[in-house]
Amino acid sequence: MDLKTFEEYVRLHLLSLEQDSEELQKQMGFYDDYDCDEYKDLEIEDISTNGQILACYHFLSVLEATIDER
């Protein structure tokens, strides 16, 4: 796989993660009890998703710098 194809994949994956995060935020909005297990599970999943989003942004910055150097 060449770098440009990988960059396209990361961008699509990032879009999917952002959509997942939006959905998790929506689901979390239905809870008033922030100490319930269901809310905590959603919160952990959202934290994980946001970490993956940050990693994708990092990968994209590295890819863009690498592709620009060529």
Protein backbone atom coordinates (compact mmCIF):
# COMPACT_ATOMS: atom_id res chain seq x y z
CA MET A 1 0.00 0.00 0.00
CA ASP A 2 1.44 3.37 -0.94
CA LEU A 3 1.39 6.37 1.44
CA LYS A 4 -1.37 8.21 -0.42
CA THR A 5 -3.68 5.18 -0.17
CA PHE A 6 -2.85 4.83 3.52
CA GLU A 7 -3.63 8.53 4.04
CA GLU A 8 -7.04 8.05 2.39
CA TYR A 9 -7.71 5.07 4.65
CA VAL A 10 -6.78 7.05 7.78
CA ARG A 11 -9.05 9.92 6.71
CA LEU A 12 -11.99 7.54 6.22
CA HIS A 13 -11.27 5.83 9.53
CA LEU A 14 -11.12 9.24 11.23
CA LEU A 15 -14.53 10.15 9.79
CA SER A 16 -15.96 6.89 11.12
CA LEU A 17 -14.47 7.50 14.58
CA GLU A 18 -15.87 11.04 14.67
CA GLN A 19 -19.32 9.69 13.82
CA ASP A 20 -18.97 7.06 16.54
CA SER A 21 -18.01 9.76 19.05
CA GLU A 22 -21.02 11.87 18.11
CA GLU A 23 -23.29 8.87 18.62
CA LEU A 24 -21.72 8.08 21.99
CA GLN A 25 -22.18 11.70 23.09
CA LYS A 26 -25.83 11.50 22.06
CA GLN A 27 -26.33 8.29 24.03
CA MET A 28 -24.58 9.76 27.06
CA GLY A 29 -26.99 12.69 26.95
CA PHE A 30 -29.87 10.40 27.90
CA TYR A 31 -28.43 9.69 31.34
CA ASP A 32 -28.95 11.82 34.42
CA ASP A 33 -27.07 9.47 36.73
CA TYR A 34 -23.41 9.86 35.82
CA ASP A 35 -22.46 7.18 38.33
CA CYS A 36 -24.48 4.38 36.73
CA ASP A 37 -22.56 1.57 35.04
CA GLU A 38 -24.13 2.19 31.63
CA TYR A 39 -23.01 5.83 31.58
CA LYS A 40 -19.52 4.93 32.78
CA ASP A 41 -19.20 2.30 30.03
CA LEU A 42 -20.21 4.86 27.39
CA GLU A 43 -17.79 7.39 28.88
CA ILE A 44 -14.89 4.92 28.73
CA GLU A 45 -15.76 4.03 25.14
CA ASP A 46 -15.89 7.73 24.23
CA ILE A 47 -12.53 8.40 25.87
CA SER A 48 -11.05 5.50 23.91
CA THR A 49 -12.63 6.73 20.67
CA ASN A 50 -11.25 10.23 21.23
CA GLY A 51 -7.80 8.77 21.84
CA GLN A 52 -8.05 6.98 18.51
CA ILE A 53 -9.14 10.23 16.86
CA LEU A 54 -6.07 11.99 18.25
CA ALA A 55 -3.84 9.18 16.98
CA CYS A 56 -5.37 9.50 13.51
CA TYR A 57 -4.66 13.24 13.49
CA HIS A 58 -1.07 12.48 14.44
CA PHE A 59 -0.74 9.88 11.67
CA LEU A 60 -2.18 12.34 9.17
CA SER A 61 0.28 15.06 10.18
CA VAL A 62 3.18 12.64 9.76
CA LEU A 63 1.82 11.39 6.43
CA GLU A 64 1.29 14.91 5.12
CA ALA A 65 4.85 15.89 6.06
CA THR A 66 6.22 12.72 4.47
CA ILE A 67 4.20 13.08 1.27
CA ASP A 68 5.13 16.78 0.98
CA GLU A 69 8.84 15.89 1.20
CA ARG A 70 8.63 13.65 -1.84
